[in-house]
């Protein structure tokens, strides 16, 4: 089955949610739409500050998915996102609705639409050590640590972006390679989202040509 879907990408405060809601309203007479959040912060419960999380009214207006699904102490990988989002896309489409993939985590978009290479899985012990260091030194200090080993990733993360800083440091400590190197080497020819189910999931990704709208905030200052 060829799935109709639309991706809306962009940074925080670029108008993604407003556009998605407007598109969903327009599609209401044609079967409707549902929104799949593509945001590595919003998957975690309680991440309500600085994330431009949709309001209660917006969440009620159109069905949303992959928001508030994981405790902040439990890691959620790009591979897990790709698996969950793929299942949701196919389910939404099977009910005659259009899946709207909306968010700013480009690694999630790439994981779903192109596939991932062998990025290391989350390691609870490594993550706990990073968390302990952050509690002692603060996240700006952890950001500085990331700057020393992966300046490219550090440059796009705010010093208070604890989830993404922790993941980037975790990847480096496990693999000895910066997160940015994995992101540059994504290859659909070598897709392995997870060792045991990578091929099955790759076969389910029958929507590689999803159109993507990329938004930018009006005020970049």
N, C-alpha and C. Protein backbone atom coordinates (compact mmCIF):
# COMPACT_ATOMS: atom_id res chain seq x y z
N UNK A 1 0.84 -1.19 0.00
CA UNK A 1 0.00 0.00 0.00
C UNK A 1 0.87 1.24 0.00
N UNK A 2 0.61 2.15 -0.90
CA UNK A 2 1.32 3.42 -0.92
C UNK A 2 0.62 4.39 0.01
N UNK A 3 1.33 4.86 1.00
CA UNK A 3 0.74 5.69 2.05
C UNK A 3 0.84 7.17 1.70
N UNK A 4 -0.28 7.88 1.80
CA UNK A 4 -0.25 9.34 1.69
C UNK A 4 0.12 9.91 3.05
N UNK A 5 1.09 10.79 3.07
CA UNK A 5 1.49 11.42 4.33
C UNK A 5 2.15 12.75 3.99
N UNK A 6 2.25 13.60 5.00
CA UNK A 6 2.90 14.90 4.83
C UNK A 6 3.78 15.16 6.04
N UNK A 7 5.00 15.62 5.80
CA UNK A 7 5.92 15.97 6.88
C UNK A 7 6.06 17.48 6.97
N UNK A 8 6.03 18.00 8.19
CA UNK A 8 6.21 19.44 8.44
C UNK A 8 7.35 19.56 9.45
N UNK A 9 8.48 20.10 9.00
CA UNK A 9 9.67 20.18 9.85
C UNK A 9 10.06 21.63 10.09
N UNK A 10 10.77 21.85 11.20
CA UNK A 10 11.25 23.19 11.50
C UNK A 10 11.59 23.31 12.97
N UNK A 11 12.33 24.35 13.34
CA UNK A 11 12.72 24.54 14.74
C UNK A 11 11.54 25.01 15.59
N UNK A 12 11.78 25.08 16.89
CA UNK A 12 10.77 25.57 17.83
C UNK A 12 10.31 26.98 17.43
N UNK A 13 9.01 27.22 17.55
CA UNK A 13 8.40 28.53 17.28
C UNK A 13 8.42 28.91 15.81
N UNK A 14 8.46 27.92 14.92
CA UNK A 14 8.43 28.21 13.49
C UNK A 14 7.02 28.12 12.91
N UNK A 15 6.04 27.74 13.72
CA UNK A 15 4.67 27.68 13.26
C UNK A 15 4.21 26.32 12.79
N UNK A 16 4.94 25.27 13.15
CA UNK A 16 4.60 23.92 12.68
C UNK A 16 3.21 23.48 13.16
N UNK A 17 2.95 23.68 14.46
CA UNK A 17 1.68 23.21 15.01
C UNK A 17 0.50 23.94 14.38
N UNK A 18 0.61 25.25 14.23
CA UNK A 18 -0.47 26.02 13.62
C UNK A 18 -0.75 25.57 12.20
N UNK A 19 0.30 25.34 11.43
CA UNK A 19 0.12 24.89 10.05
C UNK A 19 -0.49 23.49 10.02
N UNK A 20 -0.02 22.61 10.89
CA UNK A 20 -0.56 21.25 10.92
C UNK A 20 -2.04 21.25 11.27
N UNK A 21 -2.43 22.08 12.23
CA UNK A 21 -3.84 22.16 12.62
C UNK A 21 -4.69 22.71 11.48
N UNK A 22 -4.15 23.69 10.75
CA UNK A 22 -4.89 24.26 9.62
C UNK A 22 -5.06 23.23 8.51
N UNK A 23 -4.01 22.46 8.25
CA UNK A 23 -4.10 21.41 7.23
C UNK A 23 -5.10 20.34 7.66
N UNK A 24 -5.04 19.96 8.93
CA UNK A 24 -5.97 18.95 9.43
C UNK A 24 -7.41 19.43 9.30
N UNK A 25 -7.66 20.71 9.59
CA UNK A 25 -9.01 21.25 9.46
C UNK A 25 -9.46 21.22 8.00
N UNK A 26 -8.54 21.54 7.10
CA UNK A 26 -8.86 21.53 5.66
C UNK A 26 -9.19 20.12 5.19
N UNK A 27 -8.53 19.13 5.78
CA UNK A 27 -8.73 17.74 5.36
C UNK A 27 -9.93 17.08 6.04
N UNK A 28 -10.58 17.81 6.95
CA UNK A 28 -11.67 17.21 7.71
C UNK A 28 -12.77 16.66 6.81
N UNK A 29 -13.06 17.37 5.72
CA UNK A 29 -14.12 16.93 4.81
C UNK A 29 -13.66 15.80 3.89
N UNK A 30 -12.36 15.46 3.96
CA UNK A 30 -11.81 14.42 3.09
C UNK A 30 -11.32 13.22 3.89
N UNK A 31 -11.86 13.05 5.07
CA UNK A 31 -11.48 11.92 5.89
C UNK A 31 -10.73 12.30 7.14
N UNK A 32 -10.10 13.49 7.12
CA UNK A 32 -9.42 13.96 8.31
C UNK A 32 -7.93 13.63 8.33
N UNK A 33 -7.28 14.03 9.41
CA UNK A 33 -5.85 13.82 9.57
C UNK A 33 -5.54 13.61 11.05
N UNK A 34 -4.40 13.02 11.32
CA UNK A 34 -3.90 12.89 12.68
C UNK A 34 -2.43 13.27 12.69
N UNK A 35 -1.98 13.82 13.81
CA UNK A 35 -0.63 14.36 13.91
C UNK A 35 0.27 13.40 14.69
N UNK A 36 1.42 13.10 14.11
CA UNK A 36 2.45 12.31 14.79
C UNK A 36 3.60 13.26 15.14
N UNK A 37 3.85 13.44 16.41
CA UNK A 37 4.91 14.35 16.84
C UNK A 37 6.28 13.75 16.52
N UNK A 38 7.14 14.56 15.92
CA UNK A 38 8.50 14.14 15.59
C UNK A 38 9.44 15.02 16.42
N UNK A 39 9.40 14.82 17.72
CA UNK A 39 10.13 15.68 18.65
C UNK A 39 10.71 14.85 19.78
N UNK A 40 12.02 14.88 19.92
CA UNK A 40 12.68 14.03 20.91
C UNK A 40 12.53 14.54 22.33
N UNK A 41 11.96 15.73 22.51
CA UNK A 41 11.68 16.22 23.86
C UNK A 41 10.24 15.92 24.26
N UNK A 42 9.31 16.08 23.32
CA UNK A 42 7.90 15.91 23.64
C UNK A 42 7.50 14.47 23.91
N UNK A 43 8.34 13.51 23.54
CA UNK A 43 8.01 12.12 23.88
C UNK A 43 8.04 11.91 25.38
N UNK A 44 8.77 12.79 26.10
CA UNK A 44 8.93 12.62 27.54
C UNK A 44 7.86 13.38 28.32
N UNK A 45 7.33 12.75 29.33
CA UNK A 45 6.32 13.36 30.18
C UNK A 45 6.91 14.54 30.96
N UNK A 46 6.14 15.61 31.06
CA UNK A 46 6.54 16.75 31.86
C UNK A 46 7.42 17.76 31.15
N UNK A 47 7.75 17.53 29.88
CA UNK A 47 8.59 18.47 29.14
C UNK A 47 7.71 19.58 28.57
N UNK A 48 7.23 20.47 29.44
CA UNK A 48 6.25 21.47 29.04
C UNK A 48 6.84 22.87 28.88
N UNK A 49 8.10 23.06 29.28
CA UNK A 49 8.72 24.38 29.22
C UNK A 49 9.81 24.39 28.15
N UNK A 50 9.74 25.39 27.27
CA UNK A 50 10.77 25.55 26.25
C UNK A 50 10.67 24.58 25.09
N UNK A 51 9.57 23.84 25.00
CA UNK A 51 9.43 22.85 23.93
C UNK A 51 8.32 23.20 22.95
N UNK A 52 7.59 24.30 23.19
CA UNK A 52 6.44 24.67 22.35
C UNK A 52 5.45 23.52 22.25
N UNK A 53 5.22 22.87 23.36
CA UNK A 53 4.27 21.75 23.39
C UNK A 53 2.88 22.25 23.03
N UNK A 54 2.14 21.50 22.20
CA UNK A 54 0.77 21.92 21.86
C UNK A 54 -0.08 22.11 23.12
N UNK A 55 -0.98 23.08 23.08
CA UNK A 55 -1.85 23.35 24.22
C UNK A 55 -2.90 22.24 24.34
N UNK A 56 -3.60 22.24 25.47
CA UNK A 56 -4.67 21.25 25.66
C UNK A 56 -5.73 21.39 24.57
N UNK A 57 -6.02 22.63 24.19
CA UNK A 57 -7.02 22.86 23.14
C UNK A 57 -6.54 22.30 21.80
N UNK A 58 -5.27 22.51 21.49
CA UNK A 58 -4.73 22.00 20.23
C UNK A 58 -4.69 20.48 20.22
N UNK A 59 -4.32 19.89 21.36
CA UNK A 59 -4.29 18.44 21.45
C UNK A 59 -5.68 17.84 21.30
N UNK A 60 -6.70 18.59 21.77
CA UNK A 60 -8.07 18.10 21.68
C UNK A 60 -8.66 18.28 20.28
N UNK A 61 -8.16 19.26 19.54
CA UNK A 61 -8.73 19.57 18.23
C UNK A 61 -8.43 18.48 17.20
N UNK A 62 -7.24 17.91 17.27
CA UNK A 62 -6.81 16.88 16.32
C UNK A 62 -6.07 15.80 17.10
N UNK A 63 -6.32 14.53 16.83
CA UNK A 63 -5.57 13.48 17.54
C UNK A 63 -4.06 13.62 17.35
N UNK A 64 -3.32 13.59 18.46
CA UNK A 64 -1.87 13.66 18.44
C UNK A 64 -1.28 12.35 18.96
N UNK A 65 -0.11 12.00 18.47
CA UNK A 65 0.56 10.77 18.89
C UNK A 65 2.02 11.05 19.25
N UNK A 66 2.58 10.19 20.09
CA UNK A 66 3.98 10.23 20.52
C UNK A 66 4.32 11.49 21.31
N UNK A 67 3.37 11.92 22.13
CA UNK A 67 3.59 13.00 23.09
C UNK A 67 3.31 12.45 24.49
N UNK A 68 4.22 12.72 25.43
CA UNK A 68 4.06 12.26 26.82
C UNK A 68 3.94 10.74 26.92
N UNK A 69 4.80 10.02 26.22
CA UNK A 69 4.69 8.56 26.23
C UNK A 69 5.78 7.88 27.05
N UNK A 70 6.79 8.63 27.50
CA UNK A 70 7.93 7.99 28.15
C UNK A 70 8.38 8.80 29.36
N UNK A 71 8.73 8.11 30.43
CA UNK A 71 9.30 8.77 31.60
C UNK A 71 10.65 9.37 31.23
N UNK A 72 10.97 10.57 31.71
CA UNK A 72 12.24 11.21 31.34
C UNK A 72 13.49 10.40 31.69
N UNK A 73 13.38 9.49 32.64
CA UNK A 73 14.54 8.70 33.03
C UNK A 73 14.74 7.47 32.14
N UNK A 74 13.81 7.24 31.23
CA UNK A 74 13.89 6.08 30.34
C UNK A 74 14.15 6.58 28.92
N UNK A 75 15.28 6.22 28.35
CA UNK A 75 15.67 6.72 27.03
C UNK A 75 14.71 6.23 25.95
N UNK A 76 14.57 7.04 24.91
CA UNK A 76 13.73 6.71 23.75
C UNK A 76 14.58 6.98 22.52
N UNK A 77 14.92 5.94 21.78
CA UNK A 77 15.87 6.07 20.68
C UNK A 77 15.18 6.41 19.37
N UNK A 78 16.00 6.84 18.41
CA UNK A 78 15.48 7.11 17.07
C UNK A 78 14.93 5.84 16.44
N UNK A 79 15.54 4.70 16.73
CA UNK A 79 15.04 3.44 16.20
C UNK A 79 13.65 3.13 16.75
N UNK A 80 13.45 3.39 18.04
CA UNK A 80 12.12 3.18 18.62
C UNK A 80 11.11 4.12 17.99
N UNK A 81 11.52 5.37 17.78
CA UNK A 81 10.61 6.31 17.13
C UNK A 81 10.21 5.80 15.75
N UNK A 82 11.19 5.37 14.96
CA UNK A 82 10.90 4.92 13.60
C UNK A 82 9.91 3.76 13.61
N UNK A 83 10.11 2.84 14.54
CA UNK A 83 9.19 1.70 14.66
C UNK A 83 7.79 2.15 15.04
N UNK A 84 7.70 3.01 16.07
CA UNK A 84 6.39 3.45 16.55
C UNK A 84 5.68 4.33 15.52
N UNK A 85 6.43 5.24 14.90
CA UNK A 85 5.82 6.15 13.94
C UNK A 85 5.37 5.40 12.69
N UNK A 86 6.16 4.42 12.26
CA UNK A 86 5.77 3.63 11.10
C UNK A 86 4.45 2.91 11.34
N UNK A 87 4.32 2.33 12.53
CA UNK A 87 3.08 1.64 12.88
C UNK A 87 1.91 2.62 12.88
N UNK A 88 2.13 3.82 13.43
CA UNK A 88 1.07 4.82 13.48
C UNK A 88 0.68 5.31 12.09
N UNK A 89 1.67 5.56 11.24
CA UNK A 89 1.38 6.02 9.88
C UNK A 89 0.49 5.02 9.16
N UNK A 90 0.86 3.77 9.23
CA UNK A 90 0.08 2.75 8.53
C UNK A 90 -1.32 2.59 9.13
N UNK A 91 -1.42 2.71 10.46
CA UNK A 91 -2.72 2.61 11.11
C UNK A 91 -3.62 3.78 10.73
N UNK A 92 -3.06 5.00 10.78
CA UNK A 92 -3.85 6.19 10.44
C UNK A 92 -4.32 6.12 8.99
N UNK A 93 -3.41 5.73 8.09
CA UNK A 93 -3.76 5.65 6.67
C UNK A 93 -4.81 4.57 6.42
N UNK A 94 -4.74 3.48 7.18
CA UNK A 94 -5.70 2.39 6.98
C UNK A 94 -7.11 2.82 7.36
N UNK A 95 -7.22 3.88 8.19
CA UNK A 95 -8.53 4.40 8.59
C UNK A 95 -8.98 5.56 7.70
N UNK A 96 -8.28 5.75 6.58
CA UNK A 96 -8.69 6.76 5.62
C UNK A 96 -8.28 8.18 5.96
N UNK A 97 -7.37 8.33 6.93
CA UNK A 97 -6.91 9.66 7.31
C UNK A 97 -5.49 9.89 6.82
N UNK A 98 -5.07 11.15 6.84
CA UNK A 98 -3.73 11.51 6.39
C UNK A 98 -2.82 11.69 7.61
N UNK A 99 -1.72 10.95 7.70
CA UNK A 99 -0.76 11.16 8.79
C UNK A 99 0.05 12.42 8.54
N UNK A 100 0.12 13.29 9.54
CA UNK A 100 0.94 14.50 9.47
C UNK A 100 2.11 14.33 10.43
N UNK A 101 3.31 14.22 9.90
CA UNK A 101 4.52 14.08 10.72
C UNK A 101 5.05 15.47 11.01
N UNK A 102 4.98 15.89 12.28
CA UNK A 102 5.23 17.30 12.61
C UNK A 102 6.26 17.40 13.73
N UNK A 103 7.37 18.09 13.47
CA UNK A 103 8.36 18.27 14.52
C UNK A 103 9.68 18.80 14.00
N UNK A 104 10.65 18.86 14.90
CA UNK A 104 11.94 19.44 14.54
C UNK A 104 13.13 18.54 14.77
N UNK A 105 12.90 17.28 15.13
CA UNK A 105 14.02 16.37 15.37
C UNK A 105 14.35 15.66 14.06
N UNK A 106 15.34 16.20 13.35
CA UNK A 106 15.64 15.70 12.01
C UNK A 106 16.16 14.27 12.03
N UNK A 107 16.82 13.87 13.11
CA UNK A 107 17.28 12.49 13.19
C UNK A 107 16.10 11.53 13.18
N UNK A 108 15.00 11.91 13.82
CA UNK A 108 13.80 11.08 13.80
C UNK A 108 13.24 10.98 12.38
N UNK A 109 13.19 12.12 11.68
CA UNK A 109 12.72 12.09 10.30
C UNK A 109 13.59 11.17 9.45
N UNK A 110 14.91 11.29 9.61
CA UNK A 110 15.82 10.47 8.82
C UNK A 110 15.69 9.00 9.18
N UNK A 111 15.54 8.71 10.46
CA UNK A 111 15.40 7.32 10.89
C UNK A 111 14.19 6.67 10.25
N UNK A 112 13.11 7.43 10.14
CA UNK A 112 11.88 6.88 9.60
C UNK A 112 11.88 6.81 8.08
N UNK A 113 12.34 7.87 7.44
CA UNK A 113 12.21 7.97 5.99
C UNK A 113 13.41 7.43 5.23
N UNK A 114 14.57 7.34 5.89
CA UNK A 114 15.77 6.88 5.20
C UNK A 114 16.41 5.67 5.85
N UNK A 115 16.22 5.52 7.16
CA UNK A 115 16.86 4.43 7.87
C UNK A 115 18.09 4.91 8.63
N UNK A 116 18.53 4.10 9.57
CA UNK A 116 19.70 4.42 10.39
C UNK A 116 20.80 3.41 10.16
N UNK A 117 22.03 3.83 10.41
CA UNK A 117 23.11 2.86 10.46
C UNK A 117 23.24 2.36 11.89
N UNK A 118 24.37 1.79 12.24
CA UNK A 118 24.52 1.13 13.54
C UNK A 118 24.82 2.08 14.69
N UNK A 119 23.96 3.06 14.90
CA UNK A 119 24.11 3.92 16.06
C UNK A 119 23.88 3.09 17.32
N UNK A 120 24.73 3.23 18.33
CA UNK A 120 24.58 2.40 19.53
C UNK A 120 23.26 2.63 20.25
N UNK A 121 22.73 1.55 20.79
CA UNK A 121 21.50 1.64 21.56
C UNK A 121 21.78 2.31 22.90
N UNK A 122 20.71 2.75 23.55
CA UNK A 122 20.85 3.39 24.85
C UNK A 122 21.43 2.42 25.87
N UNK A 123 22.27 2.93 26.74
CA UNK A 123 22.88 2.14 27.81
C UNK A 123 22.50 2.78 29.14
N UNK A 124 21.64 2.13 29.93
CA UNK A 124 21.17 2.74 31.18
C UNK A 124 22.30 3.12 32.14
N UNK A 125 23.37 2.33 32.18
CA UNK A 125 24.47 2.64 33.10
C UNK A 125 25.22 3.88 32.66
N UNK A 126 25.49 3.98 31.36
CA UNK A 126 26.18 5.16 30.85
C UNK A 126 25.30 6.40 31.04
N UNK A 127 24.01 6.26 30.76
CA UNK A 127 23.10 7.39 30.92
C UNK A 127 23.01 7.83 32.38
N UNK A 128 23.01 6.86 33.30
CA UNK A 128 22.96 7.20 34.73
C UNK A 128 24.21 7.94 35.16
N UNK A 129 25.37 7.54 34.62
CA UNK A 129 26.61 8.22 34.95
C UNK A 129 26.60 9.65 34.45
N UNK A 130 26.10 9.85 33.23
CA UNK A 130 26.01 11.20 32.67
C UNK A 130 25.06 12.05 33.50
N UNK A 131 23.95 11.47 33.91
CA UNK A 131 22.98 12.20 34.73
C UNK A 131 23.60 12.61 36.07
N UNK A 132 24.36 11.69 36.66
CA UNK A 132 25.00 12.00 37.94
C UNK A 132 26.02 13.13 37.78
N UNK A 133 26.77 13.10 36.70
CA UNK A 133 27.74 14.17 36.45
C UNK A 133 27.04 15.51 36.24
N UNK A 134 25.90 15.46 35.54
CA UNK A 134 25.16 16.70 35.29
C UNK A 134 24.59 17.27 36.58
N UNK A 135 24.13 16.40 37.47
CA UNK A 135 23.59 16.88 38.74
C UNK A 135 24.68 17.55 39.58
N UNK A 136 25.91 17.08 39.41
CA UNK A 136 27.02 17.65 40.17
C UNK A 136 27.58 18.92 39.53
N UNK A 137 27.68 18.92 38.20
CA UNK A 137 28.36 20.02 37.51
C UNK A 137 27.43 20.96 36.76
N UNK A 138 26.21 20.49 36.43
CA UNK A 138 25.27 21.29 35.65
C UNK A 138 25.36 20.96 34.17
N UNK A 139 24.25 21.18 33.47
CA UNK A 139 24.20 20.85 32.04
C UNK A 139 25.09 21.74 31.18
N UNK A 140 25.29 23.02 31.52
CA UNK A 140 26.25 23.81 30.73
C UNK A 140 27.64 23.18 30.73
N UNK A 141 28.05 22.60 31.86
CA UNK A 141 29.35 21.94 31.91
C UNK A 141 29.36 20.69 31.04
N UNK A 142 28.24 19.98 31.00
CA UNK A 142 28.15 18.79 30.14
C UNK A 142 28.15 19.20 28.67
N UNK A 143 27.53 20.35 28.40
CA UNK A 143 27.55 20.88 27.03
C UNK A 143 28.98 21.21 26.62
N UNK A 144 29.76 21.77 27.54
CA UNK A 144 31.16 22.07 27.25
C UNK A 144 31.95 20.79 27.01
N UNK A 145 31.60 19.76 27.75
CA UNK A 145 32.25 18.46 27.55
C UNK A 145 31.92 17.91 26.16
N UNK A 146 30.67 18.08 25.75
CA UNK A 146 30.27 17.64 24.41
C UNK A 146 30.99 18.45 23.35
N UNK A 147 31.16 19.74 23.59
CA UNK A 147 31.86 20.60 22.64
C UNK A 147 33.27 20.08 22.37
N UNK A 148 33.89 19.50 23.38
CA UNK A 148 35.26 19.01 23.23
C UNK A 148 35.35 17.76 22.36
N UNK A 149 34.29 16.94 22.36
CA UNK A 149 34.36 15.66 21.63
C UNK A 149 33.51 15.64 20.36
N UNK A 150 32.50 16.52 20.31
CA UNK A 150 31.61 16.56 19.15
C UNK A 150 31.13 17.99 18.94
N UNK A 151 32.03 18.86 18.46
CA UNK A 151 31.67 20.28 18.33
C UNK A 151 30.51 20.53 17.38
N UNK A 152 30.34 19.68 16.38
CA UNK A 152 29.26 19.89 15.42
C UNK A 152 27.89 19.70 16.08
N UNK A 153 27.76 18.66 16.88
CA UNK A 153 26.49 18.45 17.59
C UNK A 153 26.30 19.51 18.66
N UNK A 154 27.36 19.84 19.39
CA UNK A 154 27.26 20.85 20.45
C UNK A 154 26.81 22.20 19.89
N UNK A 155 27.23 22.52 18.68
CA UNK A 155 26.91 23.82 18.10
C UNK A 155 25.42 24.00 17.86
N UNK A 156 24.69 22.92 17.68
CA UNK A 156 23.25 23.04 17.41
C UNK A 156 22.39 22.78 18.64
N UNK A 157 23.03 22.54 19.79
CA UNK A 157 22.27 22.29 21.01
C UNK A 157 22.46 23.41 22.02
N UNK A 158 21.39 23.79 22.68
CA UNK A 158 21.47 24.78 23.75
C UNK A 158 22.11 24.13 24.98
N UNK A 159 22.83 24.89 25.79
CA UNK A 159 23.48 24.32 26.99
C UNK A 159 22.51 23.68 27.97
N UNK A 160 21.22 24.01 27.89
CA UNK A 160 20.23 23.43 28.80
C UNK A 160 19.45 22.29 28.17
N UNK A 161 19.81 21.89 26.96
CA UNK A 161 19.08 20.82 26.25
C UNK A 161 19.55 19.47 26.78
N UNK A 162 19.09 19.14 27.97
CA UNK A 162 19.64 17.99 28.70
C UNK A 162 19.47 16.66 27.97
N UNK A 163 18.29 16.43 27.39
CA UNK A 163 18.04 15.14 26.75
C UNK A 163 18.99 14.90 25.58
N UNK A 164 19.14 15.91 24.72
CA UNK A 164 19.97 15.73 23.53
C UNK A 164 21.46 15.71 23.88
N UNK A 165 21.86 16.52 24.86
CA UNK A 165 23.26 16.51 25.29
C UNK A 165 23.60 15.14 25.87
N UNK A 166 22.70 14.62 26.71
CA UNK A 166 22.94 13.31 27.32
C UNK A 166 23.07 12.22 26.26
N UNK A 167 22.21 12.25 25.26
CA UNK A 167 22.27 11.22 24.22
C UNK A 167 23.56 11.33 23.41
N UNK A 168 23.97 12.55 23.08
CA UNK A 168 25.19 12.73 22.31
C UNK A 168 26.41 12.25 23.08
N UNK A 169 26.47 12.56 24.37
CA UNK A 169 27.58 12.09 25.19
C UNK A 169 27.53 10.57 25.35
N UNK A 170 26.33 10.04 25.48
CA UNK A 170 26.16 8.60 25.61
C UNK A 170 26.70 7.88 24.37
N UNK A 171 26.33 8.37 23.19
CA UNK A 171 26.81 7.76 21.95
C UNK A 171 28.33 7.79 21.89
N UNK A 172 28.92 8.93 22.26
CA UNK A 172 30.37 9.03 22.19
C UNK A 172 31.05 8.08 23.18
N UNK A 173 30.53 8.00 24.39
CA UNK A 173 31.16 7.15 25.39
C UNK A 173 31.03 5.67 25.06
N UNK A 174 29.94 5.30 24.41
CA UNK A 174 29.74 3.89 24.06
C UNK A 174 30.58 3.51 22.84
N UNK A 175 30.58 4.38 21.84
CA UNK A 175 31.18 4.03 20.54
C UNK A 175 32.56 4.62 20.29
N UNK A 176 32.89 5.71 21.02
CA UNK A 176 34.12 6.41 20.73
C UNK A 176 34.02 7.30 19.51
N UNK A 177 32.80 7.44 18.96
CA UNK A 177 32.58 8.27 17.78
C UNK A 177 31.54 9.33 18.10
N UNK A 178 31.67 10.53 17.52
CA UNK A 178 30.67 11.57 17.78
C UNK A 178 29.33 11.24 17.14
N UNK A 179 28.27 11.72 17.75
CA UNK A 179 26.93 11.51 17.21
C UNK A 179 26.83 12.04 15.79
N UNK A 180 27.47 13.16 15.51
CA UNK A 180 27.40 13.75 14.18
C UNK A 180 27.92 12.82 13.10
N UNK A 181 28.88 11.95 13.43
CA UNK A 181 29.41 11.04 12.42
C UNK A 181 28.36 10.01 12.02
N UNK A 182 27.54 9.58 12.98
CA UNK A 182 26.47 8.63 12.65
C UNK A 182 25.41 9.31 11.80
N UNK A 183 25.10 10.55 12.13
CA UNK A 183 24.05 11.25 11.39
C UNK A 183 24.47 11.53 9.96
N UNK A 184 25.76 11.72 9.72
CA UNK A 184 26.23 11.97 8.36
C UNK A 184 26.29 10.70 7.53
N UNK A 185 26.36 9.55 8.21
CA UNK A 185 26.54 8.30 7.49
C UNK A 185 25.27 7.49 7.34
N UNK A 186 24.13 8.14 7.56
CA UNK A 186 22.86 7.43 7.40
C UNK A 186 22.74 6.94 5.97
N UNK A 187 22.38 5.69 5.80
CA UNK A 187 22.29 5.11 4.46
C UNK A 187 21.10 4.18 4.39
N UNK A 188 20.20 4.44 3.46
CA UNK A 188 19.04 3.57 3.32
C UNK A 188 19.44 2.20 2.81
N UNK A 189 20.59 2.11 2.15
CA UNK A 189 21.03 0.82 1.63
C UNK A 189 21.47 -0.11 2.74
N UNK A 190 21.84 0.47 3.89
CA UNK A 190 22.32 -0.34 5.00
C UNK A 190 21.43 -0.18 6.23
N UNK A 191 20.14 0.00 5.99
CA UNK A 191 19.22 0.24 7.08
C UNK A 191 19.22 -0.91 8.08
N UNK A 192 19.44 -0.53 9.36
CA UNK A 192 19.31 -1.52 10.44
C UNK A 192 18.76 -0.80 11.66
N UNK A 193 17.46 -0.63 11.72
CA UNK A 193 16.88 0.11 12.82
C UNK A 193 17.03 -0.64 14.13
N UNK A 194 16.95 -1.95 14.07
CA UNK A 194 17.23 -2.78 15.22
C UNK A 194 17.70 -4.12 14.66
N UNK A 195 18.57 -4.81 15.35
CA UNK A 195 19.19 -6.01 14.79
C UNK A 195 18.17 -7.06 14.37
N UNK A 196 17.16 -7.29 15.18
CA UNK A 196 16.24 -8.39 14.92
C UNK A 196 15.09 -8.02 14.01
N UNK A 197 14.76 -6.73 13.90
CA UNK A 197 13.57 -6.37 13.15
C UNK A 197 13.84 -5.34 12.07
N UNK A 198 15.11 -5.06 11.80
CA UNK A 198 15.44 -4.02 10.84
C UNK A 198 14.85 -4.27 9.47
N UNK A 199 15.00 -5.50 8.94
CA UNK A 199 14.52 -5.74 7.60
C UNK A 199 13.01 -5.68 7.52
N UNK A 200 12.34 -6.21 8.54
CA UNK A 200 10.88 -6.16 8.54
C UNK A 200 10.39 -4.72 8.55
N UNK A 201 11.06 -3.87 9.35
CA UNK A 201 10.65 -2.48 9.41
C UNK A 201 10.98 -1.76 8.12
N UNK A 202 12.14 -2.08 7.54
CA UNK A 202 12.50 -1.45 6.27
C UNK A 202 11.46 -1.76 5.21
N UNK A 203 10.94 -2.99 5.21
CA UNK A 203 9.92 -3.37 4.25
C UNK A 203 8.63 -2.60 4.47
N UNK A 204 8.40 -2.16 5.72
CA UNK A 204 7.17 -1.42 6.03
C UNK A 204 7.28 0.04 5.62
N UNK A 205 8.50 0.52 5.38
CA UNK A 205 8.68 1.93 5.03
C UNK A 205 8.37 2.13 3.55
N UNK A 206 7.08 2.11 3.23
CA UNK A 206 6.66 2.22 1.84
C UNK A 206 6.19 3.63 1.53
N UNK A 207 6.78 4.62 2.19
CA UNK A 207 6.39 6.01 1.96
C UNK A 207 7.63 6.90 1.93
N UNK A 208 8.66 6.46 1.17
CA UNK A 208 9.91 7.20 1.11
C UNK A 208 9.74 8.58 0.47
N UNK A 209 8.75 8.75 -0.38
CA UNK A 209 8.59 10.01 -1.10
C UNK A 209 7.60 10.94 -0.43
N UNK A 210 7.59 10.95 0.89
CA UNK A 210 6.72 11.84 1.64
C UNK A 210 7.16 13.28 1.41
N UNK A 211 6.26 14.16 0.95
CA UNK A 211 6.64 15.58 0.79
C UNK A 211 6.88 16.21 2.15
N UNK A 212 7.87 17.09 2.23
CA UNK A 212 8.21 17.74 3.49
C UNK A 212 8.18 19.26 3.33
N UNK A 213 7.45 19.93 4.22
CA UNK A 213 7.46 21.38 4.30
C UNK A 213 8.43 21.78 5.39
N UNK A 214 9.38 22.64 5.09
CA UNK A 214 10.37 23.08 6.06
C UNK A 214 10.12 24.54 6.42
N UNK A 215 9.88 24.80 7.71
CA UNK A 215 9.54 26.14 8.17
C UNK A 215 10.70 26.77 8.92
N UNK A 216 10.74 28.10 8.91
CA UNK A 216 11.72 28.86 9.67
C UNK A 216 10.99 29.96 10.43
N UNK A 217 11.42 30.27 11.67
CA UNK A 217 10.79 31.38 12.40
C UNK A 217 11.00 32.70 11.67
N UNK A 218 10.03 33.61 11.78
CA UNK A 218 10.17 34.92 11.16
C UNK A 218 11.29 35.71 11.81
N UNK A 219 11.44 35.55 13.13
CA UNK A 219 12.46 36.29 13.87
C UNK A 219 13.52 35.32 14.34
N UNK A 220 14.70 35.34 13.73
CA UNK A 220 15.78 34.43 14.09
C UNK A 220 16.69 35.01 15.15
N UNK A 221 16.38 36.21 15.64
CA UNK A 221 17.25 36.85 16.64
C UNK A 221 17.16 36.15 17.97
